[in-house]
Amino acid sequence: MADAKGAIAWDLGVDSTVCRARQHAAGARQGDLQNEPPGRVFAEPGDHGPGRSRGGFTTKLHLAVEQGQKPMSIVVTAGRRGDSPQFEPVLEKVRVPRIRLGRPRVRPDRVRADKAYAFRRIRAHLRRRGIRCTSYLAPVAGA
């Protein structure tokens, strides 16, 4: 309904953030160690959200949001996953159904992203789909 009302700005921003939860966030007692991981899973599969990195168990959320701050798609990966390999899966998940007949809208007018996504492969992908892109650099502290 938001698309039919013109309330979706089809200029999307793509970026990611890392989430970290320690055992204390879930109410675990300090010093109370389990004999084995829950569910008898000894190695976490690579496509699951929690992943081990230097900072411990982390999860990375890759998001595409429109300029009105509405989330359009999300991809959850392990925290050690890079940003640029998840660019195409994030854009592929953008899908806004039409109220009446017609295919859902899946292509934004423009994509804005930081330098983590400034690769030829990504720019070529956007050109093939007819999507304009804008790279922006994060502000430098003290500048």
C-alpha atoms as a PDB file:
ATOM      1  CA  MET A   1       0.000   0.000   0.000  1.00  0.00           C
ATOM      2  CA  ALA A   2       2.930   2.333   0.694  1.00  0.00           C
ATOM      3  CA  ASP A   3       4.151   1.924  -2.883  1.00  0.00           C
ATOM      4  CA  ALA A   4       0.681   2.631  -4.293  1.00  0.00           C
ATOM      5  CA  LYS A   5       0.524   5.839  -2.226  1.00  0.00           C
ATOM      6  CA  GLY A   6       3.993   6.878  -3.415  1.00  0.00           C
ATOM      7  CA  ALA A   7       5.367   6.639   0.132  1.00  0.00           C
ATOM      8  CA  ILE A   8       8.389   4.542  -0.854  1.00  0.00           C
ATOM      9  CA  ALA A   9      11.429   6.407  -2.122  1.00  0.00           C
ATOM     10  CA  TRP A  10      13.117   3.966  -4.479  1.00  0.00           C
ATOM     11  CA  ASP A  11      16.593   5.279  -3.639  1.00  0.00           C
ATOM     12  CA  LEU A  12      17.927   2.488  -1.433  1.00  0.00           C
ATOM     13  CA  GLY A  13      20.840   2.555   0.961  1.00  0.00           C
ATOM     14  CA  VAL A  14      22.729  -0.704   1.489  1.00  0.00           C
ATOM     15  CA  ASP A  15      24.943  -1.343   4.509  1.00  0.00           C
ATOM     16  CA  SER A  16      25.509  -3.787   7.342  1.00  0.00           C
ATOM     17  CA  THR A  17      25.831  -3.826  11.098  1.00  0.00           C
ATOM     18  CA  VAL A  18      27.240  -6.331  13.583  1.00  0.00           C
ATOM     19  CA  CYS A  19      25.273  -7.611  16.573  1.00  0.00           C
ATOM     20  CA  ARG A  20      26.992  -9.300  19.473  1.00  0.00           C
ATOM     21  CA  ALA A  21      25.380 -11.082  22.398  1.00  0.00           C
ATOM     22  CA  ARG A  22      27.305 -12.581  25.255  1.00  0.00           C
ATOM     23  CA  GLN A  23      26.028 -15.447  27.359  1.00  0.00           C
ATOM     24  CA  HIS A  24      25.155 -12.998  30.133  1.00  0.00           C
ATOM     25  CA  ALA A  25      22.652 -11.254  27.843  1.00  0.00           C
ATOM     26  CA  ALA A  26      20.614 -14.472  27.826  1.00  0.00           C
ATOM     27  CA  GLY A  27      20.665 -14.823  31.608  1.00  0.00           C
ATOM     28  CA  ALA A  28      23.443 -17.419  31.920  1.00  0.00           C
ATOM     29  CA  ARG A  29      25.155 -17.596  35.287  1.00  0.00           C
ATOM     30  CA  GLN A  30      28.801 -16.662  35.329  1.00  0.00           C
ATOM     31  CA  GLY A  31      31.090 -19.677  35.525  1.00  0.00           C
ATOM     32  CA  ASP A  32      28.304 -22.145  34.653  1.00  0.00           C
ATOM     33  CA  LEU A  33      29.701 -23.929  31.594  1.00  0.00           C
ATOM     34  CA  GLN A  34      27.792 -26.486  29.565  1.00  0.00           C
ATOM     35  CA  ASN A  35      29.326 -29.885  28.896  1.00  0.00           C
ATOM     36  CA  GLU A  36      28.345 -29.667  25.231  1.00  0.00           C
ATOM     37  CA  PRO A  37      26.668 -27.114  22.967  1.00  0.00           C
ATOM     38  CA  PRO A  38      22.847 -27.125  22.940  1.00  0.00           C
ATOM     39  CA  GLY A  39      21.246 -29.543  20.488  1.00  0.00           C
ATOM     40  CA  ARG A  40      24.438 -31.594  20.224  1.00  0.00           C
ATOM     41  CA  VAL A  41      25.723 -29.313  17.451  1.00  0.00           C
ATOM     42  CA  PHE A  42      29.495 -29.156  17.757  1.00  0.00           C
ATOM     43  CA  ALA A  43      30.256 -26.971  14.738  1.00  0.00           C
ATOM     44  CA  GLU A  44      28.010 -24.105  13.672  1.00  0.00           C
ATOM     45  CA  PRO A  45      27.120 -24.357   9.951  1.00  0.00           C
ATOM     46  CA  GLY A  46      28.389 -21.460   7.837  1.00  0.00           C
ATOM     47  CA  ASP A  47      24.927 -20.285   6.803  1.00  0.00           C
ATOM     48  CA  HIS A  48      23.724 -19.743  10.374  1.00  0.00           C
ATOM     49  CA  GLY A  49      23.591 -16.306  11.955  1.00  0.00           C
ATOM     50  CA  PRO A  50      26.024 -16.689  14.867  1.00  0.00           C
ATOM     51  CA  GLY A  51      29.596 -16.925  13.750  1.00  0.00           C
ATOM     52  CA  ARG A  52      32.849 -16.894  15.630  1.00  0.00           C
ATOM     53  CA  SER A  53      35.188 -13.990  15.001  1.00  0.00           C
ATOM     54  CA  ARG A  54      37.927 -12.278  16.987  1.00  0.00           C
ATOM     55  CA  GLY A  55      35.257 -10.548  19.071  1.00  0.00           C
ATOM     56  CA  GLY A  56      33.393 -13.745  19.951  1.00  0.00           C
ATOM     57  CA  PHE A  57      30.028 -14.833  18.590  1.00  0.00           C
ATOM     58  CA  THR A  58      28.612 -12.185  16.288  1.00  0.00           C
ATOM     59  CA  THR A  59      25.860 -11.886  13.715  1.00  0.00           C
ATOM     60  CA  LYS A  60      25.901  -9.466  10.800  1.00  0.00           C
ATOM     61  CA  LEU A  61      22.732  -7.878   9.438  1.00  0.00           C
ATOM     62  CA  HIS A  62      22.940  -6.721   5.809  1.00  0.00           C
ATOM     63  CA  LEU A  63      20.121  -4.278   5.058  1.00  0.00           C
ATOM     64  CA  ALA A  64      18.614  -2.358   2.177  1.00  0.00           C
ATOM     65  CA  VAL A  65      16.530   0.580   3.389  1.00  0.00           C
ATOM     66  CA  GLU A  66      14.699   3.259   1.467  1.00  0.00           C
ATOM     67  CA  GLN A  67      15.273   6.921   2.203  1.00  0.00           C
ATOM     68  CA  GLY A  68      12.213   7.099   4.457  1.00  0.00           C
ATOM     69  CA  GLN A  69      13.989   4.529   6.683  1.00  0.00           C
ATOM     70  CA  LYS A  70      11.700   1.640   5.747  1.00  0.00           C
ATOM     71  CA  PRO A  71      13.614  -1.655   5.597  1.00  0.00           C
ATOM     72  CA  MET A  72      13.199  -3.242   2.176  1.00  0.00           C
ATOM     73  CA  SER A  73      15.269  -6.407   2.694  1.00  0.00           C
ATOM     74  CA  ILE A  74      17.554  -8.069   5.208  1.00  0.00           C
ATOM     75  CA  VAL A  75      20.107 -10.858   4.990  1.00  0.00           C
ATOM     76  CA  VAL A  76      21.474 -12.401   8.208  1.00  0.00           C
ATOM     77  CA  THR A  77      24.956 -13.934   8.123  1.00  0.00           C
ATOM     78  CA  ALA A  78      27.713 -14.873  10.506  1.00  0.00           C
ATOM     79  CA  GLY A  79      29.646 -11.875  11.789  1.00  0.00           C
ATOM     80  CA  ARG A  80      32.812 -12.760   9.920  1.00  0.00           C
ATOM     81  CA  ARG A  81      31.138 -12.497   6.488  1.00  0.00           C
ATOM     82  CA  GLY A  82      32.169  -9.612   4.269  1.00  0.00           C
ATOM     83  CA  ASP A  83      29.824  -6.866   3.135  1.00  0.00           C
ATOM     84  CA  SER A  84      30.357  -6.888  -0.619  1.00  0.00           C
ATOM     85  CA  PRO A  85      29.555 -10.607  -1.238  1.00  0.00           C
ATOM     86  CA  GLN A  86      26.129 -10.016   0.350  1.00  0.00           C
ATOM     87  CA  PHE A  87      25.256  -7.036  -1.870  1.00  0.00           C
ATOM     88  CA  GLU A  88      23.524  -9.047  -4.587  1.00  0.00           C
ATOM     89  CA  PRO A  89      21.554 -11.285  -2.148  1.00  0.00           C
ATOM     90  CA  VAL A  90      20.307  -8.155  -0.346  1.00  0.00           C
ATOM     91  CA  LEU A  91      19.097  -6.588  -3.609  1.00  0.00           C
ATOM     92  CA  GLU A  92      17.533  -9.869  -4.765  1.00  0.00           C
ATOM     93  CA  LYS A  93      15.341  -9.914  -1.642  1.00  0.00           C
ATOM     94  CA  VAL A  94      13.829  -6.479  -2.372  1.00  0.00           C
ATOM     95  CA  ARG A  95      10.273  -7.282  -3.409  1.00  0.00           C
ATOM     96  CA  VAL A  96       7.229  -5.030  -3.047  1.00  0.00           C
ATOM     97  CA  PRO A  97       3.972  -6.642  -4.232  1.00  0.00           C
ATOM     98  CA  ARG A  98       1.422  -4.592  -6.186  1.00  0.00           C
ATOM     99  CA  ILE A  99      -2.068  -4.102  -4.782  1.00  0.00           C
ATOM    100  CA  ARG A 100      -3.683  -4.792  -8.125  1.00  0.00           C
ATOM    101  CA  LEU A 101      -2.493  -7.030 -10.924  1.00  0.00           C
ATOM    102  CA  GLY A 102       1.119  -6.845 -11.921  1.00  0.00           C
ATOM    103  CA  ARG A 103       4.501  -8.123 -10.975  1.00  0.00           C
ATOM    104  CA  PRO A 104       6.084  -6.980  -7.703  1.00  0.00           C
ATOM    105  CA  ARG A 105       8.585  -4.165  -7.917  1.00  0.00           C
ATOM    106  CA  VAL A 106      12.086  -5.514  -7.373  1.00  0.00           C
ATOM    107  CA  ARG A 107      14.363  -2.854  -8.831  1.00  0.00           C
ATOM    108  CA  PRO A 108      15.243   0.441  -7.133  1.00  0.00           C
ATOM    109  CA  ASP A 109      15.992   3.620  -9.077  1.00  0.00           C
ATOM    110  CA  ARG A 110      19.264   4.235  -7.276  1.00  0.00           C
ATOM    111  CA  VAL A 111      21.457   2.464  -4.722  1.00  0.00           C
ATOM    112  CA  ARG A 112      23.657   4.327  -2.244  1.00  0.00           C
ATOM    113  CA  ALA A 113      26.473   2.472  -0.514  1.00  0.00           C
ATOM    114  CA  ASP A 114      29.808   3.140   1.194  1.00  0.00           C
ATOM    115  CA  LYS A 115      33.235   2.143  -0.040  1.00  0.00           C
ATOM    116  CA  ALA A 116      32.839  -1.452   1.173  1.00  0.00           C
ATOM    117  CA  TYR A 117      30.659  -1.951  -1.918  1.00  0.00           C
ATOM    118  CA  ALA A 118      32.819  -0.028  -4.425  1.00  0.00           C
ATOM    119  CA  PHE A 119      33.873  -2.964  -6.605  1.00  0.00           C
ATOM    120  CA  ARG A 120      33.701  -3.332 -10.379  1.00  0.00           C
ATOM    121  CA  ARG A 121      31.613  -6.481 -10.034  1.00  0.00           C
ATOM    122  CA  ILE A 122      28.961  -4.622  -8.029  1.00  0.00           C
ATOM    123  CA  ARG A 123      28.919  -1.613 -10.372  1.00  0.00           C
ATOM    124  CA  ALA A 124      28.629  -3.945 -13.390  1.00  0.00           C
ATOM    125  CA  HIS A 125      25.731  -5.787 -11.714  1.00  0.00           C
ATOM    126  CA  LEU A 126      23.912  -2.482 -11.155  1.00  0.00           C
ATOM    127  CA  ARG A 127      24.543  -1.345 -14.754  1.00  0.00           C
ATOM    128  CA  ARG A 128      23.143  -4.623 -16.129  1.00  0.00           C
ATOM    129  CA  ARG A 129      19.959  -4.082 -14.120  1.00  0.00           C
ATOM    130  CA  GLY A 130      19.694  -0.388 -15.088  1.00  0.00           C
ATOM    131  CA  ILE A 131      20.188   0.870 -11.522  1.00  0.00           C
ATOM    132  CA  ARG A 132      22.127   4.065 -10.876  1.00  0.00           C
ATOM    133  CA  CYS A 133      24.602   3.986  -8.011  1.00  0.00           C
ATOM    134  CA  THR A 134      26.146   6.515  -5.684  1.00  0.00           C
ATOM    135  CA  SER A 135      29.112   5.684  -3.501  1.00  0.00           C
ATOM    136  CA  TYR A 136      29.639   7.769  -0.433  1.00  0.00           C
ATOM    137  CA  LEU A 137      32.472   7.683   2.019  1.00  0.00           C
ATOM    138  CA  ALA A 138      31.899   7.628   5.741  1.00  0.00           C
ATOM    139  CA  PRO A 139      32.817  10.930   7.408  1.00  0.00           C
ATOM    140  CA  VAL A 140      36.330  10.996   8.793  1.00  0.00           C
ATOM    141  CA  ALA A 141      36.625  11.800  12.509  1.00  0.00           C
ATOM    142  CA  GLY A 142      37.995  15.285  13.075  1.00  0.00           C
ATOM    143  CA  ALA A 143      37.441  16.397   9.474  1.00  0.00           C
END
